[in-house]
């Protein structure tokens, strides 16, 4: 910042320097309206290495000395040609993006406890925000980080740890913080839908052994504990968030890619940063435990009041943790709607506050330890339409071992279907047209005549299944299914997440027969080319992936999500 008529850098609000350009949908650096403006047009943007290639300041060469009295030389154009508008010189016309697409890019993952959303603004001052971020080791519990070419699973953890001014009256006194609020956020591979699965803190689970990195760099295995509350997976006996990740995997069979942790302060500071969120109450609430006192109707809440709202349980529903989960889901839906609204996206002040607040409010795993990584994740989440974000809860029943009901256990008749639907990337909202077209194409591969089992020729590779799976499948096919022209081809050159069957066009009838025998979905059938078997004859290629559960176990995934209580982020519901 120069000193000629612009004032000191620390006298200018950074928000005044960044405004949304309606032509490009991007924030641009400009001076605030209160700052004196130069009478000359702004020079065109220079390349990062311009200082090296052009003349330095104060040099007398033609490369660009500074004009006398601090004036900037006028850019030269062709004689007789008018100067193009500032900021658009020598540029080819750019096709304007639709307003909806611009907004979607800026939502940046607002559904993810908003902690991901704020990262989209982080590039405004990356280094400063990087210093705000706190990260801890994932201890090998996650997949190693999300990928842009596959579905994403993020574990969001809210702790009851007391930190920050004004939080003395919340949580357990002296607590290191337990896993009080837990949401497994699944974003589909095609980014068309997402499911936020709440996990009750009082759910009885088996916490596994947890290898955990210590402060001195050594590793300690914290012994697992069977038949305990889920919330003890964090804080108890020195357990870190990576142990909560392992517990989720143990419970659901879904391995999170990353995790994020927030405490009481996050709810207060983030709601204040966006100017509050709109919630609805179906009745008057006066809860002395959470300090929430609000009449029936719609309210804009923030700060202490927002924290009281998400902590309330005795005054809603049946007065337990499951009732509080409903409030928390309503709150997150409201927060997402506020973040994706124009009032937030077009306000540099709010975006800067979100960037500051969000990076200070969260602790992330070691795979998400920079603004660049958070921004990439945020942009993936930002592709989602809020109406296709579904909130639901792990199906549970009261713990039958208790006379006084205080905990819950998994409902074994419905919970496995919920977990399997998420694992199979099944949407809990209406399927989009392009999804339906893809599913129809996969289903069509299974339709038609099937060759006799005795005519099916296939080579079996192990591409990620348990050791010995290829031989087990071979024996099962030959001895129990009469697929005698099959052979074990050993290990595949690469591991696959899903089992596949590749075949040539003239082997389609064989492929349909083998799919019927093994319970393969249409998506597993890959039209391609044949290979030569040990007899010199053309054969199909069956590669058993990591999803393979054993010979005779069907791999046909459900195409419809189970019927469970749920809500979507675009709709306002009133707590009762």
Protein backbone atom coordinates (compact mmCIF):
# COMPACT_ATOMS: atom_id res chain seq x y z
CA UNK A 1 0.00 0.00 0.00
CA UNK A 2 1.59 3.35 -0.99
CA UNK A 3 1.31 6.42 1.21
CA UNK A 4 0.11 8.86 -1.46
CA UNK A 5 -3.50 9.60 -0.69
CA UNK A 6 -4.52 6.01 0.31
CA UNK A 7 -3.81 5.97 4.02
CA UNK A 8 -2.21 3.29 6.14
CA UNK A 9 -2.93 -0.34 5.32
CA UNK A 10 -4.21 -1.09 8.82
CA UNK A 11 -6.76 1.77 8.58
CA UNK A 12 -8.65 0.02 5.78
CA UNK A 13 -11.13 -2.79 6.37
CA UNK A 14 -10.03 -5.73 4.14
CA UNK A 15 -13.67 -6.25 3.26
CA UNK A 16 -13.74 -2.84 1.52
CA UNK A 17 -11.04 -3.99 -0.85
CA UNK A 18 -12.94 -7.01 -2.23
CA UNK A 19 -16.18 -6.69 -4.15
CA UNK A 20 -18.20 -9.10 -6.29
CA UNK A 21 -17.95 -8.39 -10.01
CA UNK A 22 -21.44 -9.21 -11.41
CA UNK A 23 -19.97 -9.84 -14.86
CA UNK A 24 -17.63 -12.60 -13.75
CA UNK A 25 -19.12 -13.84 -10.49
CA UNK A 26 -15.72 -13.41 -8.84
CA UNK A 27 -14.36 -11.18 -6.07
CA UNK A 28 -11.92 -8.50 -7.21
CA UNK A 29 -9.55 -6.21 -5.29
CA UNK A 30 -10.64 -2.58 -5.39
CA UNK A 31 -10.34 0.46 -3.15
CA UNK A 32 -13.17 1.29 -0.81
CA UNK A 33 -15.49 4.18 -1.70
CA UNK A 34 -14.01 6.30 1.08
CA UNK A 35 -10.50 6.08 -0.32
CA UNK A 36 -9.35 8.73 -2.80
CA UNK A 37 -9.30 7.40 -6.35
CA UNK A 38 -6.70 8.08 -9.01
CA UNK A 39 -7.92 10.02 -12.02
CA UNK A 40 -6.15 7.68 -14.41
CA UNK A 41 -7.37 4.21 -15.48
CA UNK A 42 -5.89 1.26 -13.61
CA UNK A 43 -2.93 -0.41 -15.34
CA UNK A 44 -3.55 -3.90 -16.65
CA UNK A 45 -2.62 -6.76 -14.39
CA UNK A 46 0.99 -7.84 -14.62
CA UNK A 47 2.34 -11.34 -14.51
CA UNK A 48 3.84 -12.64 -11.22
CA UNK A 49 7.36 -12.23 -12.58
CA UNK A 50 6.85 -8.79 -14.01
CA UNK A 51 9.24 -7.28 -11.49
CA UNK A 52 11.98 -9.47 -12.84
CA UNK A 53 11.36 -8.86 -16.52
CA UNK A 54 10.38 -5.18 -16.48
CA UNK A 55 12.28 -2.16 -15.19
CA UNK A 56 12.47 -1.79 -11.43
CA UNK A 57 10.99 1.14 -9.61
CA UNK A 58 13.34 4.07 -9.89
CA UNK A 59 15.13 2.81 -12.98
CA UNK A 60 15.38 5.13 -15.90
CA UNK A 61 14.89 2.51 -18.61
CA UNK A 62 11.87 2.18 -20.81
CA UNK A 63 10.75 -0.84 -18.79
CA UNK A 64 8.64 1.34 -16.54
CA UNK A 65 9.95 4.01 -14.22
CA UNK A 66 7.43 5.80 -12.04
CA UNK A 67 6.08 9.08 -13.38
CA UNK A 68 6.95 12.29 -11.53
CA UNK A 69 4.88 13.18 -8.46
CA UNK A 70 3.73 9.59 -8.11
CA UNK A 71 1.53 9.67 -11.22
CA UNK A 72 1.01 6.47 -13.13
CA UNK A 73 1.74 6.65 -16.89
CA UNK A 74 -1.32 6.38 -19.12
CA UNK A 75 -1.59 3.01 -20.93
CA UNK A 76 -1.09 3.48 -24.66
CA UNK A 77 -3.66 2.28 -27.16
CA UNK A 78 -3.90 2.45 -30.93
CA UNK A 79 -4.42 5.95 -32.25
CA UNK A 80 -8.09 6.70 -32.70
CA UNK A 81 -9.26 3.66 -30.75
CA UNK A 82 -11.18 4.18 -27.51
CA UNK A 83 -9.72 2.55 -24.44
CA UNK A 84 -11.56 -0.61 -23.39
CA UNK A 85 -13.12 -0.61 -19.90
CA UNK A 86 -10.71 -1.04 -16.99
CA UNK A 87 -10.15 -4.64 -16.04
CA UNK A 88 -11.22 -5.99 -19.46
CA UNK A 89 -8.36 -4.87 -21.73
CA UNK A 90 -7.08 -7.21 -24.41
CA UNK A 91 -9.33 -10.01 -23.26
CA UNK A 92 -11.46 -12.21 -25.42
CA UNK A 93 -15.17 -12.20 -24.60
CA UNK A 94 -15.95 -14.65 -21.87
CA UNK A 95 -19.18 -16.58 -21.81
CA UNK A 96 -21.00 -15.56 -18.66
CA UNK A 97 -21.85 -18.27 -16.17
CA UNK A 98 -25.43 -18.48 -14.97
CA UNK A 99 -26.14 -16.85 -11.64
CA UNK A 100 -27.12 -20.20 -10.17
CA UNK A 101 -23.80 -21.76 -11.08
CA UNK A 102 -21.88 -18.83 -9.62
CA UNK A 103 -23.76 -19.19 -6.36
CA UNK A 104 -23.22 -22.93 -6.24
CA UNK A 105 -19.48 -22.46 -6.56
CA UNK A 106 -19.54 -20.07 -3.63
CA UNK A 107 -21.59 -22.27 -1.31
CA UNK A 108 -18.34 -24.20 -0.94
CA UNK A 109 -19.72 -26.99 1.21
CA UNK A 110 -22.03 -25.07 3.51
CA UNK A 111 -23.78 -28.25 4.52
CA UNK A 112 -20.66 -29.62 6.18
CA UNK A 113 -21.22 -27.98 9.58
CA UNK A 114 -20.30 -24.84 7.58
CA UNK A 115 -16.70 -25.52 8.44
CA UNK A 116 -15.97 -26.53 4.88
CA UNK A 117 -18.00 -23.71 3.37
CA UNK A 118 -15.90 -20.90 4.70
CA UNK A 119 -12.82 -22.29 3.03
CA UNK A 120 -14.06 -21.10 -0.37
CA UNK A 121 -13.29 -17.55 0.73
CA UNK A 122 -9.93 -18.55 2.11
CA UNK A 123 -7.90 -17.65 -0.93
CA UNK A 124 -8.34 -13.95 -0.05
CA UNK A 125 -5.47 -14.20 2.37
CA UNK A 126 -4.23 -17.77 2.36
CA UNK A 127 -1.16 -17.56 4.55
CA UNK A 128 -2.97 -15.85 7.39
CA UNK A 129 -5.79 -18.40 7.33
CA UNK A 130 -3.40 -21.33 7.13
CA UNK A 131 -1.98 -20.18 10.46
CA UNK A 132 -5.48 -20.33 11.96
CA UNK A 133 -5.98 -24.02 11.17
CA UNK A 134 -5.36 -26.67 13.81
CA UNK A 135 -4.76 -30.21 12.58
CA UNK A 136 -4.21 -33.56 14.27
CA UNK A 137 -3.05 -36.91 12.93
CA UNK A 138 -5.62 -39.27 11.46
CA UNK A 139 -3.42 -42.14 12.70
CA UNK A 140 -4.17 -44.14 9.56
CA UNK A 141 -7.86 -44.41 10.46
CA UNK A 142 -9.15 -42.63 7.33
CA UNK A 143 -8.81 -43.49 3.67
CA UNK A 144 -5.99 -40.98 3.36
CA UNK A 145 -8.14 -38.09 2.16
CA UNK A 146 -11.02 -37.38 -0.21
CA UNK A 147 -10.69 -37.73 -3.97
CA UNK A 148 -12.45 -35.71 -6.66
CA UNK A 149 -13.26 -38.82 -8.71
CA UNK A 150 -15.12 -40.81 -6.07
CA UNK A 151 -17.81 -40.44 -3.40
CA UNK A 152 -16.73 -38.48 -0.32
CA UNK A 153 -17.34 -39.35 3.34
CA UNK A 154 -16.56 -36.71 5.98
CA UNK A 155 -17.03 -37.28 9.71
CA UNK A 156 -18.15 -34.12 11.53
CA UNK A 157 -17.66 -34.17 15.29
CA UNK A 158 -19.00 -31.64 17.79
CA UNK A 159 -17.41 -31.91 21.24
CA UNK A 160 -18.68 -30.83 24.66
CA UNK A 161 -15.29 -29.48 25.60
CA UNK A 162 -15.34 -26.15 27.43
CA UNK A 163 -13.12 -23.68 25.61
CA UNK A 164 -13.42 -19.97 25.15
CA UNK A 165 -14.96 -17.17 27.17
CA UNK A 166 -18.52 -17.70 28.37
CA UNK A 167 -18.58 -21.49 28.06
CA UNK A 168 -18.12 -22.27 31.76
CA UNK A 169 -21.77 -23.22 32.13
CA UNK A 170 -21.77 -25.82 29.34
CA UNK A 171 -20.56 -29.40 29.09
CA UNK A 172 -18.97 -31.55 31.77
CA UNK A 173 -16.70 -29.78 34.22
CA UNK A 174 -13.06 -30.68 33.54
CA UNK A 175 -14.00 -32.77 30.48
CA UNK A 176 -11.41 -33.21 27.75
CA UNK A 177 -14.31 -33.30 25.32
CA UNK A 178 -16.41 -36.22 24.12
CA UNK A 179 -17.99 -36.97 20.74
CA UNK A 180 -21.23 -35.19 21.64
CA UNK A 181 -22.57 -34.52 18.12
CA UNK A 182 -21.61 -36.80 15.25
CA UNK A 183 -22.59 -36.61 11.59
CA UNK A 184 -21.25 -38.79 8.79
CA UNK A 185 -21.65 -36.71 5.64
CA UNK A 186 -21.73 -38.73 2.40
CA UNK A 187 -21.47 -36.85 -0.91
CA UNK A 188 -22.32 -38.97 -3.95
CA UNK A 189 -19.76 -39.68 -6.63
CA UNK A 190 -21.67 -37.60 -9.20
CA UNK A 191 -22.19 -34.80 -6.59
CA UNK A 192 -25.96 -34.81 -7.23
CA UNK A 193 -26.98 -35.76 -3.68
CA UNK A 194 -25.69 -36.13 -0.14
CA UNK A 195 -26.74 -37.84 3.08
CA UNK A 196 -25.98 -36.49 6.56
CA UNK A 197 -26.24 -39.45 8.94
CA UNK A 198 -26.47 -38.47 12.62
CA UNK A 199 -25.00 -40.95 15.12
CA UNK A 200 -26.51 -40.69 18.63
CA UNK A 201 -23.99 -40.01 21.36
CA UNK A 202 -25.77 -42.52 23.65
CA UNK A 203 -25.62 -45.34 21.10
CA UNK A 204 -23.98 -48.47 22.56
CA UNK A 205 -21.05 -49.56 20.39
CA UNK A 206 -17.75 -51.40 20.58
CA UNK A 207 -14.86 -48.92 20.51
CA UNK A 208 -11.93 -50.70 18.80
CA UNK A 209 -8.23 -50.58 19.63
CA UNK A 210 -6.88 -47.22 18.50
CA UNK A 211 -3.23 -46.69 17.48
CA UNK A 212 -2.66 -43.04 18.40
CA UNK A 213 0.24 -40.69 17.78
CA UNK A 214 1.53 -39.08 20.99
CA UNK A 215 2.91 -35.56 21.45
CA UNK A 216 6.49 -36.86 21.49
CA UNK A 217 5.97 -38.55 18.10
CA UNK A 218 5.66 -42.08 19.45
CA UNK A 219 2.63 -44.30 18.88
CA UNK A 220 0.44 -45.78 21.61
CA UNK A 221 -2.34 -48.29 21.11
CA UNK A 222 -5.28 -47.29 23.28
CA UNK A 223 -7.17 -50.50 24.13
CA UNK A 224 -10.71 -50.83 22.83
CA UNK A 225 -13.77 -51.03 25.04
CA UNK A 226 -16.86 -53.11 24.20
CA UNK A 227 -20.44 -52.13 24.98
CA UNK A 228 -19.96 -48.42 25.77
CA UNK A 229 -21.53 -45.12 24.68
CA UNK A 230 -20.42 -43.81 21.30
CA UNK A 231 -19.37 -40.46 22.80
CA UNK A 232 -16.54 -42.16 24.74
CA UNK A 233 -14.75 -42.80 21.44
CA UNK A 234 -13.26 -39.31 21.89
CA UNK A 235 -11.50 -37.95 24.98
CA UNK A 236 -11.86 -41.05 27.13
CA UNK A 237 -8.50 -42.68 28.00
CA UNK A 238 -6.63 -40.28 25.71
CA UNK A 239 -8.64 -41.10 22.58
CA UNK A 240 -8.32 -38.63 19.71
CA UNK A 241 -10.70 -37.97 16.77
CA UNK A 242 -9.02 -40.78 14.81
CA UNK A 243 -10.50 -43.22 17.34
CA UNK A 244 -13.97 -41.85 16.63
CA UNK A 245 -13.27 -42.44 12.94
CA UNK A 246 -12.36 -46.07 13.66
CA UNK A 247 -15.51 -46.48 15.74
CA UNK A 248 -17.66 -45.18 12.85
CA UNK A 249 -16.02 -47.64 10.49
CA UNK A 250 -16.62 -50.45 12.99
CA UNK A 251 -20.28 -49.44 13.32
CA UNK A 252 -21.24 -48.68 9.70
CA UNK A 253 -18.65 -50.39 7.53
CA UNK A 254 -17.98 -46.97 5.96
CA UNK A 255 -14.45 -45.61 6.24
CA UNK A 256 -14.41 -41.79 6.41
CA UNK A 257 -12.04 -39.89 4.12
CA UNK A 258 -11.54 -36.99 6.52
CA UNK A 259 -12.79 -35.58 9.80
CA UNK A 260 -13.52 -32.16 11.28
CA UNK A 261 -14.01 -31.26 14.94
CA UNK A 262 -15.68 -28.21 16.49
CA UNK A 263 -16.54 -27.19 20.06
CA UNK A 264 -19.18 -24.89 21.59
CA UNK A 265 -17.47 -21.78 20.27
CA UNK A 266 -17.99 -22.83 16.64
CA UNK A 267 -21.78 -22.61 16.88
CA UNK A 268 -21.63 -19.18 18.51
CA UNK A 269 -19.01 -17.56 16.31
CA UNK A 270 -20.17 -18.97 12.98
CA UNK A 271 -23.78 -17.89 13.48
CA UNK A 272 -22.60 -14.42 14.46
CA UNK A 273 -20.43 -14.26 11.34
CA UNK A 274 -23.44 -14.79 9.03
CA UNK A 275 -25.81 -12.54 10.97
CA UNK A 276 -27.85 -15.36 12.53
CA UNK A 277 -29.97 -18.18 11.09
CA UNK A 278 -33.73 -18.64 10.86
CA UNK A 279 -35.29 -21.47 12.90
CA UNK A 280 -38.87 -22.38 13.73
CA UNK A 281 -40.45 -23.56 16.99
CA UNK A 282 -43.83 -25.28 17.06
CA UNK A 283 -44.34 -24.38 20.72
CA UNK A 284 -43.00 -22.11 23.46
CA UNK A 285 -39.71 -23.36 24.93
CA UNK A 286 -38.25 -22.51 28.33
CA UNK A 287 -35.37 -24.90 29.05
CA UNK A 288 -33.37 -23.97 32.18
CA UNK A 289 -30.72 -26.59 31.38
CA UNK A 290 -29.78 -25.19 27.96
CA UNK A 291 -30.84 -21.60 28.82
CA UNK A 292 -33.13 -21.45 25.77
CA UNK A 293 -36.25 -19.34 26.22
CA UNK A 294 -38.19 -18.59 23.03
CA UNK A 295 -41.89 -18.33 22.14
CA UNK A 296 -43.55 -20.34 19.39
CA UNK A 297 -42.80 -19.15 15.85
CA UNK A 298 -39.86 -18.14 13.63
CA UNK A 299 -36.69 -16.68 15.12
CA UNK A 300 -33.30 -15.42 13.98
CA UNK A 301 -30.75 -16.85 16.40
CA UNK A 302 -27.01 -16.43 16.81
CA UNK A 303 -24.26 -16.62 19.42
CA UNK A 304 -25.34 -17.84 22.87
CA UNK A 305 -28.92 -18.31 21.73
CA UNK A 306 -27.84 -20.52 18.82
CA UNK A 307 -25.76 -22.66 21.16
CA UNK A 308 -28.69 -22.99 23.55
CA UNK A 309 -30.89 -24.07 20.62
CA UNK A 310 -28.63 -26.96 19.52
CA UNK A 311 -28.15 -28.10 23.15
CA UNK A 312 -31.85 -28.19 24.02
CA UNK A 313 -33.38 -31.62 24.55
CA UNK A 314 -35.61 -31.67 27.67
CA UNK A 315 -38.16 -29.29 26.13
CA UNK A 316 -38.63 -30.95 22.74
CA UNK A 317 -39.89 -34.33 21.57
CA UNK A 318 -39.38 -37.05 24.17
CA UNK A 319 -36.73 -35.03 25.96
CA UNK A 320 -33.74 -37.19 25.00
CA UNK A 321 -30.70 -37.09 22.75
CA UNK A 322 -32.70 -38.20 19.70
CA UNK A 323 -34.95 -35.14 20.07
CA UNK A 324 -31.90 -32.90 20.27
CA UNK A 325 -30.53 -34.48 17.08
CA UNK A 326 -33.69 -33.29 15.30
CA UNK A 327 -33.00 -29.74 16.47
CA UNK A 328 -29.39 -29.95 15.36
CA UNK A 329 -30.44 -31.12 11.90
CA UNK A 330 -32.90 -28.23 11.64
CA UNK A 331 -30.15 -25.83 12.70
CA UNK A 332 -27.67 -27.12 10.13
CA UNK A 333 -30.29 -26.92 7.39
CA UNK A 334 -30.97 -23.30 8.33
CA UNK A 335 -27.26 -22.54 8.41
CA UNK A 336 -26.78 -24.04 4.98
CA UNK A 337 -29.65 -22.00 3.54
CA UNK A 338 -28.15 -18.84 5.02
CA UNK A 339 -24.68 -19.57 3.68
CA UNK A 340 -25.93 -20.27 0.17
CA UNK A 341 -28.09 -17.14 0.13
CA UNK A 342 -27.21 -14.05 -1.85
CA UNK A 343 -26.96 -11.98 1.34
CA UNK A 344 -23.91 -14.01 2.36
CA UNK A 345 -22.30 -14.75 -0.99
CA UNK A 346 -22.32 -11.16 -2.20
CA UNK A 347 -20.99 -9.69 1.04
CA UNK A 348 -17.18 -9.48 1.22
CA UNK A 349 -17.47 -8.58 4.92
CA UNK A 350 -19.41 -11.75 5.71
CA UNK A 351 -17.15 -13.92 3.57
CA UNK A 352 -14.06 -12.58 5.35
CA UNK A 353 -15.66 -13.13 8.73
CA UNK A 354 -16.55 -16.67 7.72
CA UNK A 355 -13.02 -17.36 6.58
CA UNK A 356 -11.59 -16.03 9.86
CA UNK A 357 -14.16 -17.70 12.08
CA UNK A 358 -14.27 -21.02 10.29
CA UNK A 359 -10.54 -21.61 10.23
CA UNK A 360 -10.29 -20.75 13.93
CA UNK A 361 -13.32 -22.82 14.92
CA UNK A 362 -12.33 -26.19 13.52
CA UNK A 363 -9.74 -28.86 14.06
CA UNK A 364 -9.14 -31.00 10.99
CA UNK A 365 -7.24 -34.16 10.20
CA UNK A 366 -3.72 -33.99 8.84
CA UNK A 367 -5.00 -34.53 5.28
CA UNK A 368 -6.95 -31.22 5.41
CA UNK A 369 -4.34 -28.98 7.00
CA UNK A 370 -4.34 -26.10 4.51
CA UNK A 371 -6.75 -23.64 2.96
CA UNK A 372 -5.99 -25.08 -0.48
CA UNK A 373 -7.18 -28.54 0.57
CA UNK A 374 -10.23 -27.17 2.36
CA UNK A 375 -11.12 -25.07 -0.67
CA UNK A 376 -10.91 -28.10 -2.98
CA UNK A 377 -13.20 -30.03 -0.66
CA UNK A 378 -15.52 -27.06 -0.35
CA UNK A 379 -15.86 -26.72 -4.11
CA UNK A 380 -16.77 -30.41 -4.41
CA UNK A 381 -19.46 -29.99 -1.76
CA UNK A 382 -20.57 -26.74 -3.39
CA UNK A 383 -21.77 -28.66 -6.45
CA UNK A 384 -24.68 -30.02 -4.40
CA UNK A 385 -28.22 -28.63 -4.57
CA UNK A 386 -29.50 -28.15 -0.97
CA UNK A 387 -32.77 -29.91 -1.79
CA UNK A 388 -30.80 -33.10 -2.39
CA UNK A 389 -29.08 -33.06 1.02
CA UNK A 390 -30.93 -35.49 3.28
CA UNK A 391 -30.63 -35.56 7.07
CA UNK A 392 -31.37 -38.85 8.79
CA UNK A 393 -30.30 -40.75 11.91
CA UNK A 394 -28.95 -44.23 12.55
CA UNK A 395 -32.05 -46.36 13.24
CA UNK A 396 -32.02 -47.33 16.94
CA UNK A 397 -34.18 -48.86 19.65
CA UNK A 398 -34.08 -48.51 23.43
CA UNK A 399 -31.42 -50.62 25.09
CA UNK A 400 -33.26 -53.80 26.18
CA UNK A 401 -30.66 -54.42 28.91
CA UNK A 402 -31.75 -51.31 30.84
CA UNK A 403 -34.73 -50.92 33.14
CA UNK A 404 -34.32 -47.15 33.20
CA UNK A 405 -33.85 -46.22 29.56
CA UNK A 406 -30.72 -44.11 29.13
CA UNK A 407 -29.01 -45.54 26.05
CA UNK A 408 -29.96 -46.98 22.67
CA UNK A 409 -28.73 -49.82 20.47
CA UNK A 410 -28.70 -50.27 16.71
CA UNK A 411 -31.96 -51.44 15.18
CA UNK A 412 -30.62 -54.52 13.40
CA UNK A 413 -33.66 -54.81 11.15
CA UNK A 414 -33.25 -51.40 9.49
CA UNK A 415 -29.82 -49.91 10.25
CA UNK A 416 -27.85 -52.32 8.00
CA UNK A 417 -29.99 -51.20 5.03
CA UNK A 418 -29.17 -47.56 5.75
CA UNK A 419 -25.45 -48.28 5.99
CA UNK A 420 -25.53 -50.36 2.80
CA UNK A 421 -27.42 -47.67 0.89
CA UNK A 422 -24.76 -45.10 1.78
CA UNK A 423 -21.94 -47.51 0.90
CA UNK A 424 -23.60 -48.17 -2.46
CA UNK A 425 -24.02 -44.42 -3.14
CA UNK A 426 -27.82 -44.65 -3.21
CA UNK A 427 -29.61 -41.31 -2.98
CA UNK A 428 -32.12 -40.72 -0.17
CA UNK A 429 -33.77 -38.03 -2.30
CA UNK A 430 -35.41 -38.19 -5.71
CA UNK A 431 -33.07 -39.60 -8.36
CA UNK A 432 -32.10 -37.08 -11.03
CA UNK A 433 -32.73 -37.75 -14.70
CA UNK A 434 -29.11 -38.41 -15.56
CA UNK A 435 -28.85 -40.86 -12.67
CA UNK A 436 -31.92 -42.68 -13.92
CA UNK A 437 -30.46 -42.89 -17.44
CA UNK A 438 -27.24 -44.43 -16.11
CA UNK A 439 -29.16 -46.93 -13.97
CA UNK A 440 -31.41 -47.84 -16.90
CA UNK A 441 -28.37 -48.49 -19.11
CA UNK A 442 -26.83 -50.75 -16.46
CA UNK A 443 -30.10 -52.63 -15.98
CA UNK A 444 -30.42 -53.15 -19.74
CA UNK A 445 -27.19 -55.18 -19.79
CA UNK A 446 -28.90 -57.83 -17.70
CA UNK A 447 -31.86 -58.19 -20.05
CA UNK A 448 -31.85 -60.78 -22.83
CA UNK A 449 -31.12 -64.46 -23.33
CA UNK A 450 -28.65 -66.27 -21.10
CA UNK A 451 -26.19 -68.91 -22.29
CA UNK A 452 -26.17 -72.33 -20.57
CA UNK A 453 -23.78 -72.49 -17.62
CA UNK A 454 -21.71 -75.12 -19.44
CA UNK A 455 -20.93 -72.61 -22.22
CA UNK A 456 -19.70 -69.82 -19.92
CA UNK A 457 -15.94 -69.31 -20.24
CA UNK A 458 -14.36 -66.99 -17.69
CA UNK A 459 -10.97 -66.25 -16.15
CA UNK A 460 -11.13 -65.20 -12.47
CA UNK A 461 -8.74 -62.60 -11.02
CA UNK A 462 -8.44 -61.45 -7.44
CA UNK A 463 -8.39 -57.66 -7.59
CA UNK A 464 -8.74 -56.72 -3.94
CA UNK A 465 -10.90 -59.43 -2.36
CA UNK A 466 -9.73 -61.57 0.55
CA UNK A 467 -6.85 -63.93 -0.16
CA UNK A 468 -8.04 -67.17 -1.75
CA UNK A 469 -11.25 -65.64 -3.11
CA UNK A 470 -10.45 -66.49 -6.75
CA UNK A 471 -9.91 -70.18 -5.95
CA UNK A 472 -12.99 -70.28 -3.71
CA UNK A 473 -15.11 -68.77 -6.48
CA UNK A 474 -13.68 -71.17 -9.06
CA UNK A 475 -14.58 -74.20 -6.97
CA UNK A 476 -18.06 -72.85 -6.25
CA UNK A 477 -18.74 -72.13 -9.92
CA UNK A 478 -17.52 -75.53 -11.10
CA UNK A 479 -18.95 -77.71 -8.33
CA UNK A 480 -22.23 -75.98 -7.53
CA UNK A 481 -23.14 -73.89 -10.58
CA UNK A 482 -21.89 -76.11 -13.46
CA UNK A 483 -19.68 -73.34 -14.87
CA UNK A 484 -17.01 -75.87 -15.79
CA UNK A 485 -15.10 -73.69 -18.27
CA UNK A 486 -13.78 -71.33 -15.59
CA UNK A 487 -10.21 -70.95 -14.37
CA UNK A 488 -8.21 -69.18 -11.67
CA UNK A 489 -6.00 -66.49 -13.23
CA UNK A 490 -4.37 -65.36 -9.94
CA UNK A 491 -3.97 -61.76 -8.82
CA UNK A 492 -5.15 -58.88 -11.01
CA UNK A 493 -2.54 -56.29 -12.10
CA UNK A 494 -4.44 -53.62 -10.14
CA UNK A 495 -6.88 -53.59 -7.26
CA UNK A 496 -10.48 -52.52 -7.77
CA UNK A 497 -13.05 -51.16 -5.34
CA UNK A 498 -15.84 -53.02 -7.10
CA UNK A 499 -16.11 -56.38 -8.81
CA UNK A 500 -16.29 -56.22 -12.61
CA UNK A 501 -17.01 -58.59 -15.49
CA UNK A 502 -15.55 -57.59 -18.86
CA UNK A 503 -16.81 -59.28 -22.00
CA UNK A 504 -16.86 -58.94 -25.79
CA UNK A 505 -20.12 -58.17 -27.65
CA UNK A 506 -20.57 -61.79 -28.73
CA UNK A 507 -20.24 -62.90 -25.08
CA UNK A 508 -23.20 -60.88 -23.77
CA UNK A 509 -25.35 -63.98 -23.23
CA UNK A 510 -22.53 -65.58 -21.21
CA UNK A 511 -22.14 -62.39 -19.17
CA UNK A 512 -25.86 -62.29 -18.34
CA UNK A 513 -25.74 -65.92 -17.19
CA UNK A 514 -22.70 -65.39 -14.96
CA UNK A 515 -24.24 -62.19 -13.54
CA UNK A 516 -27.41 -64.13 -12.67
CA UNK A 517 -25.41 -66.94 -11.04
CA UNK A 518 -23.22 -64.63 -8.95
CA UNK A 519 -25.72 -61.87 -8.23
CA UNK A 520 -23.77 -59.18 -10.09
CA UNK A 521 -25.49 -55.82 -10.71
CA UNK A 522 -25.68 -54.39 -14.21
CA UNK A 523 -23.11 -51.77 -13.22
CA UNK A 524 -20.54 -54.57 -12.79
CA UNK A 525 -20.86 -55.62 -16.44
CA UNK A 526 -18.31 -53.84 -18.62
CA UNK A 527 -18.64 -54.33 -22.40
CA UNK A 528 -15.12 -54.54 -23.82
CA UNK A 529 -13.03 -57.33 -25.24
CA UNK A 530 -12.35 -60.98 -24.52
CA UNK A 531 -9.12 -62.63 -23.39
CA UNK A 532 -7.63 -65.96 -24.30
CA UNK A 533 -7.89 -68.73 -21.71
CA UNK A 534 -5.47 -71.60 -21.11
CA UNK A 535 -7.17 -73.59 -23.90
CA UNK A 536 -6.62 -70.82 -26.43
CA UNK A 537 -10.30 -69.94 -26.48
CA UNK A 538 -11.90 -66.52 -25.93
CA UNK A 539 -13.06 -65.97 -22.34
CA UNK A 540 -14.52 -63.22 -20.18
CA UNK A 541 -12.58 -61.56 -17.34
CA UNK A 542 -14.06 -61.58 -13.84
CA UNK A 543 -12.12 -59.41 -11.38
CA UNK A 544 -13.13 -59.74 -7.73
CA UNK A 545 -12.92 -56.31 -6.11
CA UNK A 546 -12.82 -55.14 -2.52
CA UNK A 547 -16.62 -55.34 -2.36
CA UNK A 548 -16.56 -59.12 -2.92
CA UNK A 549 -17.93 -60.87 0.17
CA UNK A 550 -17.54 -64.51 -0.84
CA UNK A 551 -18.68 -67.10 -3.35
CA UNK A 552 -22.45 -67.20 -3.57
CA UNK A 553 -22.95 -63.85 -1.83
CA UNK A 554 -24.94 -61.51 -4.09
CA UNK A 555 -23.41 -58.15 -4.98
CA UNK A 556 -26.61 -56.67 -6.34
CA UNK A 557 -26.92 -53.31 -4.60
CA UNK A 558 -30.25 -51.82 -3.55
CA UNK A 559 -31.50 -49.22 -6.01
CA UNK A 560 -33.75 -47.48 -3.50
CA UNK A 561 -32.93 -46.07 -0.09
CA UNK A 562 -34.71 -47.61 2.92
CA UNK A 563 -37.80 -45.88 4.29
CA UNK A 564 -36.53 -43.98 7.36
CA UNK A 565 -37.33 -40.68 9.04
CA UNK A 566 -35.53 -37.93 7.16
CA UNK A 567 -35.58 -34.27 6.16
CA UNK A 568 -33.94 -32.18 3.45
CA UNK A 569 -31.91 -29.01 3.86
CA UNK A 570 -34.11 -26.83 1.66
CA UNK A 571 -37.23 -27.15 3.84
CA UNK A 572 -38.06 -25.40 7.10
CA UNK A 573 -39.48 -27.62 9.84
CA UNK A 574 -40.72 -26.45 13.24
CA UNK A 575 -39.44 -28.16 16.40
CA UNK A 576 -42.15 -29.46 18.73
